[in-house]
Amino acid sequence: MAARYGSSYNTKPTKLDIQPLTIKIIIGVLLMLLIVGLIFRAAISY
């Protein structure tokens, strides 16, 4: 089973391994953008 899936679906395991990392990176970037946006809003308002 493992050999068959490995030979027929070469991209699936790599995609599954990469997905959590990309999701964490996207969440981190969004949080950074939100924090930077709040800082800029505070700086502009004050």
PDB file of N, CA and C in Angstrom:
ATOM      1  N   MET A   1       0.839  -1.213   0.000  1.00  0.00           N
ATOM      2  CA  MET A   1       0.000   0.000   0.000  1.00  0.00           C
ATOM      3  C   MET A   1       0.872   1.261   0.000  1.00  0.00           C
ATOM      4  N   ALA A   2       1.825   1.315   0.916  1.00  0.00           N
ATOM      5  CA  ALA A   2       2.671   2.512   1.012  1.00  0.00           C
ATOM      6  C   ALA A   2       3.476   2.702  -0.270  1.00  0.00           C
ATOM      7  N   ALA A   3       3.996   1.585  -0.821  1.00  0.00           N
ATOM      8  CA  ALA A   3       4.799   1.685  -2.050  1.00  0.00           C
ATOM      9  C   ALA A   3       3.922   2.168  -3.202  1.00  0.00           C
ATOM     10  N   ARG A   4       2.697   1.636  -3.289  1.00  0.00           N
ATOM     11  CA  ARG A   4       1.797   2.046  -4.381  1.00  0.00           C
ATOM     12  C   ARG A   4       1.460   3.532  -4.272  1.00  0.00           C
ATOM     13  N   TYR A   5       1.101   3.975  -3.080  1.00  0.00           N
ATOM     14  CA  TYR A   5       0.759   5.393  -2.910  1.00  0.00           C
ATOM     15  C   TYR A   5       1.972   6.282  -3.163  1.00  0.00           C
ATOM     16  N   GLY A   6       3.154   5.836  -2.726  1.00  0.00           N
ATOM     17  CA  GLY A   6       4.369   6.623  -2.936  1.00  0.00           C
ATOM     18  C   GLY A   6       4.690   6.761  -4.412  1.00  0.00           C
ATOM     19  N   SER A   7       4.465   5.687  -5.203  1.00  0.00           N
ATOM     20  CA  SER A   7       4.816   5.735  -6.620  1.00  0.00           C
ATOM     21  C   SER A   7       3.765   6.489  -7.422  1.00  0.00           C
ATOM     22  N   SER A   8       2.481   6.301  -7.078  1.00  0.00           N
ATOM     23  CA  SER A   8       1.413   6.925  -7.869  1.00  0.00           C
ATOM     24  C   SER A   8       1.185   8.379  -7.456  1.00  0.00           C
ATOM     25  N   TYR A   9       1.321   8.666  -6.154  1.00  0.00           N
ATOM     26  CA  TYR A   9       1.082  10.034  -5.667  1.00  0.00           C
ATOM     27  C   TYR A   9       2.378  10.579  -5.057  1.00  0.00           C
ATOM     28  N   ASN A  10       3.240  11.102  -5.905  1.00  0.00           N
ATOM     29  CA  ASN A  10       4.523  11.619  -5.418  1.00  0.00           C
ATOM     30  C   ASN A  10       4.351  12.987  -4.763  1.00  0.00           C
ATOM     31  N   THR A  11       3.381  13.777  -5.230  1.00  0.00           N
ATOM     32  CA  THR A  11       3.240  15.153  -4.746  1.00  0.00           C
ATOM     33  C   THR A  11       2.403  15.228  -3.471  1.00  0.00           C
ATOM     34  N   LYS A  12       1.519  14.257  -3.224  1.00  0.00           N
ATOM     35  CA  LYS A  12       0.608  14.365  -2.079  1.00  0.00           C
ATOM     36  C   LYS A  12       1.330  14.420  -0.732  1.00  0.00           C
ATOM     37  N   PRO A  13       2.284  13.508  -0.441  1.00  0.00           N
ATOM     38  CA  PRO A  13       2.936  13.592   0.872  1.00  0.00           C
ATOM     39  C   PRO A  13       3.672  14.905   1.088  1.00  0.00           C
ATOM     40  N   THR A  14       4.338  15.411   0.048  1.00  0.00           N
ATOM     41  CA  THR A  14       5.065  16.670   0.199  1.00  0.00           C
ATOM     42  C   THR A  14       4.087  17.810   0.453  1.00  0.00           C
ATOM     43  N   LYS A  15       2.965  17.817  -0.268  1.00  0.00           N
ATOM     44  CA  LYS A  15       1.965  18.878  -0.060  1.00  0.00           C
ATOM     45  C   LYS A  15       1.420  18.812   1.365  1.00  0.00           C
ATOM     46  N   LEU A  16       1.138  17.603   1.846  1.00  0.00           N
ATOM     47  CA  LEU A  16       0.614  17.463   3.205  1.00  0.00           C
ATOM     48  C   LEU A  16       1.644  17.927   4.227  1.00  0.00           C
ATOM     49  N   ASP A  17       2.925  17.669   3.964  1.00  0.00           N
ATOM     50  CA  ASP A  17       3.973  18.104   4.893  1.00  0.00           C
ATOM     51  C   ASP A  17       4.148  19.619   4.853  1.00  0.00           C
ATOM     52  N   ILE A  18       3.985  20.210   3.673  1.00  0.00           N
ATOM     53  CA  ILE A  18       4.221  21.653   3.518  1.00  0.00           C
ATOM     54  C   ILE A  18       3.019  22.468   4.025  1.00  0.00           C
ATOM     55  N   GLN A  19       1.805  21.935   3.900  1.00  0.00           N
ATOM     56  CA  GLN A  19       0.595  22.696   4.252  1.00  0.00           C
ATOM     57  C   GLN A  19       0.632  23.315   5.646  1.00  0.00           C
ATOM     58  N   PRO A  20       0.936  22.545   6.724  1.00  0.00           N
ATOM     59  CA  PRO A  20       0.933  23.167   8.057  1.00  0.00           C
ATOM     60  C   PRO A  20       1.936  24.308   8.170  1.00  0.00           C
ATOM     61  N   LEU A  21       3.101  24.163   7.539  1.00  0.00           N
ATOM     62  CA  LEU A  21       4.108  25.231   7.594  1.00  0.00           C
ATOM     63  C   LEU A  21       3.594  26.473   6.888  1.00  0.00           C
ATOM     64  N   THR A  22       2.996  26.303   5.704  1.00  0.00           N
ATOM     65  CA  THR A  22       2.492  27.463   4.962  1.00  0.00           C
ATOM     66  C   THR A  22       1.359  28.126   5.730  1.00  0.00           C
ATOM     67  N   ILE A  23       0.493  27.323   6.361  1.00  0.00           N
ATOM     68  CA  ILE A  23      -0.615  27.893   7.140  1.00  0.00           C
ATOM     69  C   ILE A  23      -0.052  28.718   8.301  1.00  0.00           C
ATOM     70  N   LYS A  24       0.978  28.187   8.979  1.00  0.00           N
ATOM     71  CA  LYS A  24       1.587  28.931  10.095  1.00  0.00           C
ATOM     72  C   LYS A  24       2.224  30.221   9.596  1.00  0.00           C
ATOM     73  N   ILE A  25       2.894  30.151   8.440  1.00  0.00           N
ATOM     74  CA  ILE A  25       3.544  31.350   7.889  1.00  0.00           C
ATOM     75  C   ILE A  25       2.487  32.387   7.526  1.00  0.00           C
ATOM     76  N   ILE A  26       1.383  31.951   6.894  1.00  0.00           N
ATOM     77  CA  ILE A  26       0.324  32.884   6.488  1.00  0.00           C
ATOM     78  C   ILE A  26      -0.286  33.535   7.727  1.00  0.00           C
ATOM     79  N   ILE A  27      -0.556  32.732   8.769  1.00  0.00           N
ATOM     80  CA  ILE A  27      -1.134  33.286  10.003  1.00  0.00           C
ATOM     81  C   ILE A  27      -0.172  34.292  10.628  1.00  0.00           C
ATOM     82  N   GLY A  28       1.120  33.953  10.642  1.00  0.00           N
ATOM     83  CA  GLY A  28       2.119  34.865  11.206  1.00  0.00           C
ATOM     84  C   GLY A  28       2.184  36.174  10.445  1.00  0.00           C
ATOM     85  N   VAL A  29       2.147  36.088   9.108  1.00  0.00           N
ATOM     86  CA  VAL A  29       2.208  37.307   8.286  1.00  0.00           C
ATOM     87  C   VAL A  29       0.965  38.160   8.527  1.00  0.00           C
ATOM     88  N   LEU A  30      -0.211  37.523   8.604  1.00  0.00           N
ATOM     89  CA  LEU A  30      -1.445  38.276   8.840  1.00  0.00           C
ATOM     90  C   LEU A  30      -1.399  38.964  10.204  1.00  0.00           C
ATOM     91  N   LEU A  31      -0.910  38.255  11.225  1.00  0.00           N
ATOM     92  CA  LEU A  31      -0.805  38.868  12.554  1.00  0.00           C
ATOM     93  C   LEU A  31       0.157  40.047  12.529  1.00  0.00           C
ATOM     94  N   MET A  32       1.288  39.892  11.839  1.00  0.00           N
ATOM     95  CA  MET A  32       2.252  40.994  11.743  1.00  0.00           C
ATOM     96  C   MET A  32       1.620  42.192  11.040  1.00  0.00           C
ATOM     97  N   LEU A  33       0.878  41.939   9.953  1.00  0.00           N
ATOM     98  CA  LEU A  33       0.235  43.038   9.225  1.00  0.00           C
ATOM     99  C   LEU A  33      -0.783  43.740  10.119  1.00  0.00           C
ATOM    100  N   LEU A  34      -1.553  42.967  10.900  1.00  0.00           N
ATOM    101  CA  LEU A  34      -2.533  43.577  11.803  1.00  0.00           C
ATOM    102  C   LEU A  34      -1.833  44.441  12.847  1.00  0.00           C
ATOM    103  N   ILE A  35      -0.750  43.920  13.428  1.00  0.00           N
ATOM    104  CA  ILE A  35      -0.020  44.681  14.458  1.00  0.00           C
ATOM    105  C   ILE A  35       0.566  45.953  13.852  1.00  0.00           C
ATOM    106  N   VAL A  36       1.185  45.832  12.679  1.00  0.00           N
ATOM    107  CA  VAL A  36       1.783  47.006  12.023  1.00  0.00           C
ATOM    108  C   VAL A  36       0.694  48.021  11.679  1.00  0.00           C
ATOM    109  N   GLY A  37      -0.455  47.541  11.198  1.00  0.00           N
ATOM    110  CA  GLY A  37      -1.563  48.437  10.868  1.00  0.00           C
ATOM    111  C   GLY A  37      -2.063  49.180  12.098  1.00  0.00           C
ATOM    112  N   LEU A  38      -2.190  48.473  13.221  1.00  0.00           N
ATOM    113  CA  LEU A  38      -2.631  49.132  14.455  1.00  0.00           C
ATOM    114  C   LEU A  38      -1.608  50.163  14.910  1.00  0.00           C
ATOM    115  N   ILE A  39      -0.320  49.844  14.796  1.00  0.00           N
ATOM    116  CA  ILE A  39       0.734  50.793  15.208  1.00  0.00           C
ATOM    117  C   ILE A  39       0.671  52.043  14.327  1.00  0.00           C
ATOM    118  N   PHE A  40       0.515  51.839  13.010  1.00  0.00           N
ATOM    119  CA  PHE A  40       0.457  52.997  12.106  1.00  0.00           C
ATOM    120  C   PHE A  40      -0.781  53.847  12.386  1.00  0.00           C
ATOM    121  N   ARG A  41      -1.918  53.183  12.659  1.00  0.00           N
ATOM    122  CA  ARG A  41      -3.142  53.940  12.979  1.00  0.00           C
ATOM    123  C   ARG A  41      -2.942  54.750  14.258  1.00  0.00           C
ATOM    124  N   ALA A  42      -2.324  54.140  15.264  1.00  0.00           N
ATOM    125  CA  ALA A  42      -2.071  54.847  16.524  1.00  0.00           C
ATOM    126  C   ALA A  42      -1.116  56.011  16.289  1.00  0.00           C
ATOM    127  N   ALA A  43      -0.080  55.806  15.471  1.00  0.00           N
ATOM    128  CA  ALA A  43       0.896  56.868  15.202  1.00  0.00           C
ATOM    129  C   ALA A  43       0.244  58.015  14.430  1.00  0.00           C
ATOM    130  N   ILE A  44      -0.643  57.679  13.481  1.00  0.00           N
ATOM    131  CA  ILE A  44      -1.279  58.732  12.675  1.00  0.00           C
ATOM    132  C   ILE A  44      -2.289  59.499  13.533  1.00  0.00           C
ATOM    133  N   SER A  45      -3.047  58.774  14.376  1.00  0.00           N
ATOM    134  CA  SER A  45      -4.080  59.442  15.176  1.00  0.00           C
ATOM    135  C   SER A  45      -3.444  60.342  16.236  1.00  0.00           C
ATOM    136  N   TYR A  46      -2.309  59.918  16.800  1.00  0.00           N
ATOM    137  CA  TYR A  46      -1.660  60.728  17.845  1.00  0.00           C
ATOM    138  C   TYR A  46      -0.579  61.563  17.262  1.00  0.00           C
TER     139      TYR A  46
END
